Amino acid sequence: MLASKAFVFSLMATTLAVCIAAPVFVLQASPYMQPGQNWTGGLLMGEDLRLLDSGRYVSRPWCDICPRDTFSYGRWRRSGDVIVLNADRPGVPERRLCAATIRKCPMLIPLDQSHPVKWIGPGVVFGRDGERCVGRLDRDGHTGRLLRGLSCLKPERKPN
């Protein structure tokens, strides 16, 4: 009788431990279950970017013929209005994104000095998931004016 009570108690304790530990493990294992923000860029092909509150990120390209399990992982940091992505894989150059809000529309604008952004649109910038305002700004026709005031898009001046 004492052995059966001990067995039931140990079974209950194990079940309780699993019920407590499993959600913690799942939250740590899946970046999509951790706190953060989702951003999407592209029209016919593009990229989903998840910036986790922990300073990590996960990126997944998407298109009709892309493999579905291609993910990139790394760390991100914010310096003023610029978000810098550093991939975990060696040899991958860092990426820089300008965090901007234009006409109450949050977006991440890629900073590529060889191909500077000249217009706003879902195929060019990242829009926050659930918001469709990036496409509306593209149709405004005032993109050059809207981008001109952003400090993170101005070319960096080197000291003399």
C-alpha atoms as a PDB file:
ATOM      1  CA  MET A   1       0.000   0.000   0.000  1.00  0.00           C
ATOM      2  CA  LEU A   2       2.812   2.399   0.887  1.00  0.00           C
ATOM      3  CA  ALA A   3       4.609   1.544  -2.370  1.00  0.00           C
ATOM      4  CA  SER A   4       1.508   2.336  -4.448  1.00  0.00           C
ATOM      5  CA  LYS A   5       1.093   5.733  -2.725  1.00  0.00           C
ATOM      6  CA  ALA A   6       4.759   6.510  -3.385  1.00  0.00           C
ATOM      7  CA  PHE A   7       4.307   5.498  -7.021  1.00  0.00           C
ATOM      8  CA  VAL A   8       1.212   7.708  -7.426  1.00  0.00           C
ATOM      9  CA  PHE A   9       2.983  10.629  -5.741  1.00  0.00           C
ATOM     10  CA  SER A  10       6.062  10.265  -7.951  1.00  0.00           C
ATOM     11  CA  LEU A  11       3.866   9.978 -11.069  1.00  0.00           C
ATOM     12  CA  MET A  12       2.011  13.180 -10.087  1.00  0.00           C
ATOM     13  CA  ALA A  13       5.287  14.994  -9.386  1.00  0.00           C
ATOM     14  CA  THR A  14       6.717  13.924 -12.758  1.00  0.00           C
ATOM     15  CA  THR A  15       3.546  14.997 -14.577  1.00  0.00           C
ATOM     16  CA  LEU A  16       3.623  18.378 -12.838  1.00  0.00           C
ATOM     17  CA  ALA A  17       7.302  18.870 -13.712  1.00  0.00           C
ATOM     18  CA  VAL A  18       6.646  18.041 -17.370  1.00  0.00           C
ATOM     19  CA  CYS A  19       3.645  20.399 -17.485  1.00  0.00           C
ATOM     20  CA  ILE A  20       5.776  23.231 -16.111  1.00  0.00           C
ATOM     21  CA  ALA A  21       8.953  22.526 -18.114  1.00  0.00           C
ATOM     22  CA  ALA A  22       7.360  21.771 -21.509  1.00  0.00           C
ATOM     23  CA  PRO A  23       6.000  25.284 -22.191  1.00  0.00           C
ATOM     24  CA  VAL A  24       9.306  26.828 -21.123  1.00  0.00           C
ATOM     25  CA  PHE A  25      11.182  24.501 -23.487  1.00  0.00           C
ATOM     26  CA  VAL A  26       8.786  25.232 -26.372  1.00  0.00           C
ATOM     27  CA  LEU A  27       9.103  28.983 -25.848  1.00  0.00           C
ATOM     28  CA  GLN A  28      12.878  28.708 -25.974  1.00  0.00           C
ATOM     29  CA  ALA A  29      12.905  26.300 -28.923  1.00  0.00           C
ATOM     30  CA  SER A  30      10.591  28.151 -31.320  1.00  0.00           C
ATOM     31  CA  PRO A  31      11.398  31.766 -32.198  1.00  0.00           C
ATOM     32  CA  TYR A  32       7.799  32.213 -33.327  1.00  0.00           C
ATOM     33  CA  MET A  33       6.560  31.546 -29.791  1.00  0.00           C
ATOM     34  CA  GLN A  34       8.914  34.084 -28.184  1.00  0.00           C
ATOM     35  CA  PRO A  35       8.018  37.770 -27.781  1.00  0.00           C
ATOM     36  CA  GLY A  36       8.941  39.900 -30.778  1.00  0.00           C
ATOM     37  CA  GLN A  37       7.710  41.610 -33.951  1.00  0.00           C
ATOM     38  CA  ASN A  38       7.061  40.192 -37.419  1.00  0.00           C
ATOM     39  CA  TRP A  39       7.963  42.159 -40.545  1.00  0.00           C
ATOM     40  CA  THR A  40       7.299  41.180 -44.162  1.00  0.00           C
ATOM     41  CA  GLY A  41       8.816  42.533 -47.358  1.00  0.00           C
ATOM     42  CA  GLY A  42       8.221  41.622 -50.972  1.00  0.00           C
ATOM     43  CA  LEU A  43       5.477  41.118 -53.540  1.00  0.00           C
ATOM     44  CA  LEU A  44       5.974  38.013 -55.682  1.00  0.00           C
ATOM     45  CA  MET A  45       8.933  36.944 -53.605  1.00  0.00           C
ATOM     46  CA  GLY A  46      10.273  38.344 -50.385  1.00  0.00           C
ATOM     47  CA  GLU A  47      11.266  37.730 -46.820  1.00  0.00           C
ATOM     48  CA  ASP A  48       9.691  37.365 -43.406  1.00  0.00           C
ATOM     49  CA  LEU A  49      11.775  38.843 -40.600  1.00  0.00           C
ATOM     50  CA  ARG A  50      11.084  38.258 -36.912  1.00  0.00           C
ATOM     51  CA  LEU A  51      12.921  40.513 -34.450  1.00  0.00           C
ATOM     52  CA  LEU A  52      12.810  38.880 -31.037  1.00  0.00           C
ATOM     53  CA  ASP A  53      12.795  40.957 -27.860  1.00  0.00           C
ATOM     54  CA  SER A  54      15.831  38.920 -26.738  1.00  0.00           C
ATOM     55  CA  GLY A  55      18.042  40.518 -29.433  1.00  0.00           C
ATOM     56  CA  ARG A  56      17.916  37.492 -31.743  1.00  0.00           C
ATOM     57  CA  TYR A  57      16.264  37.362 -35.165  1.00  0.00           C
ATOM     58  CA  VAL A  58      15.034  34.760 -37.615  1.00  0.00           C
ATOM     59  CA  SER A  59      14.603  35.384 -41.320  1.00  0.00           C
ATOM     60  CA  ARG A  60      12.862  33.247 -43.949  1.00  0.00           C
ATOM     61  CA  PRO A  61      12.760  33.988 -47.671  1.00  0.00           C
ATOM     62  CA  TRP A  62       9.551  33.069 -49.477  1.00  0.00           C
ATOM     63  CA  CYS A  63       8.468  32.560 -53.061  1.00  0.00           C
ATOM     64  CA  ASP A  64       6.540  30.011 -55.092  1.00  0.00           C
ATOM     65  CA  ILE A  65       9.534  27.761 -55.703  1.00  0.00           C
ATOM     66  CA  CYS A  66      11.667  28.476 -52.608  1.00  0.00           C
ATOM     67  CA  PRO A  67      12.357  25.662 -50.160  1.00  0.00           C
ATOM     68  CA  ARG A  68      10.065  26.139 -47.186  1.00  0.00           C
ATOM     69  CA  ASP A  69      12.629  25.324 -44.513  1.00  0.00           C
ATOM     70  CA  THR A  70      15.305  27.904 -45.352  1.00  0.00           C
ATOM     71  CA  PHE A  71      15.848  30.007 -42.237  1.00  0.00           C
ATOM     72  CA  SER A  72      18.617  32.410 -41.235  1.00  0.00           C
ATOM     73  CA  TYR A  73      19.344  33.191 -37.614  1.00  0.00           C
ATOM     74  CA  GLY A  74      21.414  35.834 -35.904  1.00  0.00           C
ATOM     75  CA  ARG A  75      21.528  38.804 -33.553  1.00  0.00           C
ATOM     76  CA  TRP A  76      20.102  42.257 -34.059  1.00  0.00           C
ATOM     77  CA  ARG A  77      20.768  45.571 -32.369  1.00  0.00           C
ATOM     78  CA  ARG A  78      19.398  49.059 -32.721  1.00  0.00           C
ATOM     79  CA  SER A  79      21.600  52.116 -33.047  1.00  0.00           C
ATOM     80  CA  GLY A  80      19.402  55.199 -33.272  1.00  0.00           C
ATOM     81  CA  ASP A  81      17.066  54.651 -36.216  1.00  0.00           C
ATOM     82  CA  VAL A  82      19.220  51.895 -37.716  1.00  0.00           C
ATOM     83  CA  ILE A  83      18.690  48.192 -37.037  1.00  0.00           C
ATOM     84  CA  VAL A  84      21.769  46.062 -37.687  1.00  0.00           C
ATOM     85  CA  LEU A  85      21.395  42.334 -38.386  1.00  0.00           C
ATOM     86  CA  ASN A  86      24.409  40.060 -37.835  1.00  0.00           C
ATOM     87  CA  ALA A  87      23.914  36.496 -39.064  1.00  0.00           C
ATOM     88  CA  ASP A  88      25.148  33.491 -37.088  1.00  0.00           C
ATOM     89  CA  ARG A  89      26.706  31.989 -40.236  1.00  0.00           C
ATOM     90  CA  PRO A  90      30.272  33.165 -40.836  1.00  0.00           C
ATOM     91  CA  GLY A  91      30.936  35.144 -43.995  1.00  0.00           C
ATOM     92  CA  VAL A  92      27.448  36.653 -44.225  1.00  0.00           C
ATOM     93  CA  PRO A  93      27.719  40.461 -44.320  1.00  0.00           C
ATOM     94  CA  GLU A  94      25.729  42.497 -41.834  1.00  0.00           C
ATOM     95  CA  ARG A  95      22.473  44.026 -43.014  1.00  0.00           C
ATOM     96  CA  ARG A  96      21.249  47.474 -42.039  1.00  0.00           C
ATOM     97  CA  LEU A  97      17.625  48.622 -41.946  1.00  0.00           C
ATOM     98  CA  CYS A  98      16.280  52.101 -41.263  1.00  0.00           C
ATOM     99  CA  ALA A  99      13.391  51.979 -38.772  1.00  0.00           C
ATOM    100  CA  ALA A 100      11.007  54.736 -39.835  1.00  0.00           C
ATOM    101  CA  THR A 101       7.423  55.803 -39.337  1.00  0.00           C
ATOM    102  CA  ILE A 102       6.069  57.759 -42.274  1.00  0.00           C
ATOM    103  CA  ARG A 103       2.514  59.077 -42.022  1.00  0.00           C
ATOM    104  CA  LYS A 104       1.869  56.768 -39.047  1.00  0.00           C
ATOM    105  CA  CYS A 105       3.114  53.779 -41.082  1.00  0.00           C
ATOM    106  CA  PRO A 106       5.916  51.781 -39.396  1.00  0.00           C
ATOM    107  CA  MET A 107       8.468  50.282 -41.800  1.00  0.00           C
ATOM    108  CA  LEU A 108      12.000  48.970 -42.083  1.00  0.00           C
ATOM    109  CA  ILE A 109      13.849  50.375 -45.087  1.00  0.00           C
ATOM    110  CA  PRO A 110      16.928  48.434 -46.330  1.00  0.00           C
ATOM    111  CA  LEU A 111      20.077  50.547 -46.324  1.00  0.00           C
ATOM    112  CA  ASP A 112      22.156  49.479 -49.295  1.00  0.00           C
ATOM    113  CA  GLN A 113      24.558  52.202 -50.411  1.00  0.00           C
ATOM    114  CA  SER A 114      24.921  50.704 -53.897  1.00  0.00           C
ATOM    115  CA  HIS A 115      21.125  50.720 -54.456  1.00  0.00           C
ATOM    116  CA  PRO A 116      19.564  53.435 -52.256  1.00  0.00           C
ATOM    117  CA  VAL A 117      15.803  53.306 -51.778  1.00  0.00           C
ATOM    118  CA  LYS A 118      13.939  55.789 -53.981  1.00  0.00           C
ATOM    119  CA  TRP A 119      10.341  54.770 -53.276  1.00  0.00           C
ATOM    120  CA  ILE A 120       8.242  53.061 -50.643  1.00  0.00           C
ATOM    121  CA  GLY A 121       6.340  49.926 -51.512  1.00  0.00           C
ATOM    122  CA  PRO A 122       5.735  46.401 -50.270  1.00  0.00           C
ATOM    123  CA  GLY A 123       8.328  45.081 -52.736  1.00  0.00           C
ATOM    124  CA  VAL A 124      11.028  47.400 -51.393  1.00  0.00           C
ATOM    125  CA  VAL A 125      10.550  47.867 -47.641  1.00  0.00           C
ATOM    126  CA  PHE A 126       9.420  45.690 -44.728  1.00  0.00           C
ATOM    127  CA  GLY A 127       5.994  46.425 -43.321  1.00  0.00           C
ATOM    128  CA  ARG A 128       4.893  45.287 -39.876  1.00  0.00           C
ATOM    129  CA  ASP A 129       2.617  42.252 -40.019  1.00  0.00           C
ATOM    130  CA  GLY A 130      -1.049  43.125 -39.933  1.00  0.00           C
ATOM    131  CA  GLU A 131      -0.608  46.642 -41.339  1.00  0.00           C
ATOM    132  CA  ARG A 132      -1.248  47.434 -44.997  1.00  0.00           C
ATOM    133  CA  CYS A 133      -0.159  51.073 -44.958  1.00  0.00           C
ATOM    134  CA  VAL A 134       3.096  50.566 -46.933  1.00  0.00           C
ATOM    135  CA  GLY A 135       1.173  49.833 -50.143  1.00  0.00           C
ATOM    136  CA  ARG A 136      -0.960  52.944 -49.713  1.00  0.00           C
ATOM    137  CA  LEU A 137       2.114  55.175 -49.302  1.00  0.00           C
ATOM    138  CA  ASP A 138       3.524  53.802 -52.570  1.00  0.00           C
ATOM    139  CA  ARG A 139       0.452  55.037 -54.428  1.00  0.00           C
ATOM    140  CA  ASP A 140       0.710  58.526 -52.893  1.00  0.00           C
ATOM    141  CA  GLY A 141       3.347  59.581 -55.418  1.00  0.00           C
ATOM    142  CA  HIS A 142       5.205  61.654 -52.824  1.00  0.00           C
ATOM    143  CA  THR A 143       7.785  59.032 -51.938  1.00  0.00           C
ATOM    144  CA  GLY A 144      10.867  61.101 -52.689  1.00  0.00           C
ATOM    145  CA  ARG A 145       9.614  63.864 -50.434  1.00  0.00           C
ATOM    146  CA  LEU A 146       8.656  61.413 -47.692  1.00  0.00           C
ATOM    147  CA  LEU A 147      12.087  59.756 -47.701  1.00  0.00           C
ATOM    148  CA  ARG A 148      14.108  62.978 -47.922  1.00  0.00           C
ATOM    149  CA  GLY A 149      13.600  63.865 -44.265  1.00  0.00           C
ATOM    150  CA  LEU A 150      14.867  60.564 -42.821  1.00  0.00           C
ATOM    151  CA  SER A 151      18.276  60.976 -41.197  1.00  0.00           C
ATOM    152  CA  CYS A 152      19.175  57.290 -41.563  1.00  0.00           C
ATOM    153  CA  LEU A 153      18.854  57.515 -45.371  1.00  0.00           C
ATOM    154  CA  LYS A 154      21.294  60.409 -45.734  1.00  0.00           C
ATOM    155  CA  PRO A 155      24.739  59.316 -46.975  1.00  0.00           C
ATOM    156  CA  GLU A 156      27.298  59.004 -44.202  1.00  0.00           C
ATOM    157  CA  ARG A 157      29.883  61.751 -44.291  1.00  0.00           C
ATOM    158  CA  LYS A 158      33.410  60.752 -43.508  1.00  0.00           C
ATOM    159  CA  PRO A 159      35.434  63.071 -41.288  1.00  0.00           C
ATOM    160  CA  ASN A 160      38.257  64.974 -43.025  1.00  0.00           C
END
